[in-house]
Amino acid sequence: MENKTIEELNKRIKLLKVVAKAMAVALILLLAVTIYGLLTKENKTVFITLLPIVFGLSTILLLQYSSVKKIKEEIKQREK
């Protein structure tokens, strides 16, 4: 991050936020479909296997938000 300008860091933040929001929407939809399938379908094996995928991919969201936080801290330090 040290070799990037503040403008590049701001662009990176915007990109990470857009990707995180898109991924959050996709994960919510996947979770909704999984819960619906578990409640209504007889063959639940597919939906049971999707649950760990949803929770595993949700950790990527946490990593993206922590990256945004680190970039914001870097920008704050440079503005001092």
Protein backbone atom coordinates (compact mmCIF):
# COMPACT_ATOMS: atom_id res chain seq x y z
CA MET A 1 0.00 0.00 0.00
CA GLU A 2 2.91 2.33 0.57
CA ASN A 3 3.67 2.68 -3.13
CA LYS A 4 0.12 3.66 -4.13
CA THR A 5 -1.29 7.16 -4.21
CA ILE A 6 -4.27 8.25 -2.14
CA GLU A 7 -6.42 8.30 -5.27
CA GLU A 8 -5.48 4.70 -6.05
CA LEU A 9 -6.28 3.70 -2.48
CA ASN A 10 -9.68 5.40 -2.68
CA LYS A 11 -10.41 3.54 -5.93
CA ARG A 12 -9.40 0.30 -4.22
CA ILE A 13 -11.81 1.02 -1.35
CA LYS A 14 -14.66 1.66 -3.78
CA LEU A 15 -13.91 -1.55 -5.66
CA LEU A 16 -13.74 -3.61 -2.47
CA LYS A 17 -17.05 -2.17 -1.28
CA VAL A 18 -18.81 -2.95 -4.57
CA VAL A 19 -17.46 -6.49 -4.63
CA ALA A 20 -18.38 -7.00 -0.97
CA LYS A 21 -21.93 -5.79 -1.52
CA ALA A 22 -22.38 -8.02 -4.57
CA MET A 23 -20.99 -10.99 -2.68
CA ALA A 24 -23.23 -10.27 0.31
CA VAL A 25 -26.31 -10.22 -1.93
CA ALA A 26 -25.24 -13.48 -3.58
CA LEU A 27 -24.61 -15.13 -0.21
CA ILE A 28 -27.97 -13.98 1.15
CA LEU A 29 -29.70 -15.42 -1.92
CA LEU A 30 -27.77 -18.67 -1.60
CA LEU A 31 -28.67 -18.89 2.08
CA ALA A 32 -32.34 -18.21 1.32
CA VAL A 33 -32.42 -20.89 -1.39
CA THR A 34 -30.67 -23.32 0.93
CA ILE A 35 -33.10 -22.73 3.79
CA TYR A 36 -36.05 -22.97 1.41
CA GLY A 37 -34.70 -26.26 0.04
CA LEU A 38 -34.13 -27.67 3.50
CA LEU A 39 -37.69 -26.85 4.52
CA THR A 40 -39.53 -27.95 1.38
CA LYS A 41 -37.58 -30.60 -0.53
CA GLU A 42 -37.27 -34.28 0.29
CA ASN A 43 -33.70 -34.67 -0.99
CA LYS A 44 -31.87 -32.43 1.46
CA THR A 45 -28.30 -33.57 0.78
CA VAL A 46 -27.65 -30.83 -1.78
CA PHE A 47 -28.91 -28.14 0.55
CA ILE A 48 -27.02 -29.50 3.54
CA THR A 49 -23.80 -29.28 1.51
CA LEU A 50 -24.54 -25.69 0.54
CA LEU A 51 -24.69 -24.49 4.16
CA PRO A 52 -20.94 -24.80 4.87
CA ILE A 53 -20.24 -23.10 1.55
CA VAL A 54 -22.33 -20.10 2.58
CA PHE A 55 -20.60 -19.80 5.93
CA GLY A 56 -17.17 -20.42 4.45
CA LEU A 57 -17.60 -17.72 1.82
CA SER A 58 -18.91 -15.27 4.40
CA THR A 59 -15.42 -15.15 5.89
CA ILE A 60 -14.23 -13.59 2.64
CA LEU A 61 -16.59 -10.69 3.36
CA LEU A 62 -14.94 -10.18 6.72
CA LEU A 63 -11.53 -10.13 5.06
CA GLN A 64 -12.70 -7.56 2.53
CA TYR A 65 -14.06 -5.28 5.22
CA SER A 66 -10.84 -5.57 7.20
CA SER A 67 -8.90 -4.65 4.04
CA VAL A 68 -11.08 -1.56 3.65
CA LYS A 69 -10.37 -0.64 7.26
CA LYS A 70 -6.60 -1.01 6.76
CA ILE A 71 -6.67 1.12 3.63
CA LYS A 72 -8.66 3.83 5.43
CA GLU A 73 -6.09 3.82 8.24
CA GLU A 74 -3.30 4.19 5.68
CA ILE A 75 -5.08 7.17 4.12
CA LYS A 76 -5.54 8.77 7.55
CA GLN A 77 -1.84 8.38 8.33
CA ARG A 78 -0.86 10.00 5.05
CA GLU A 79 -3.18 12.96 5.57
CA LYS A 80 -1.59 13.90 8.89
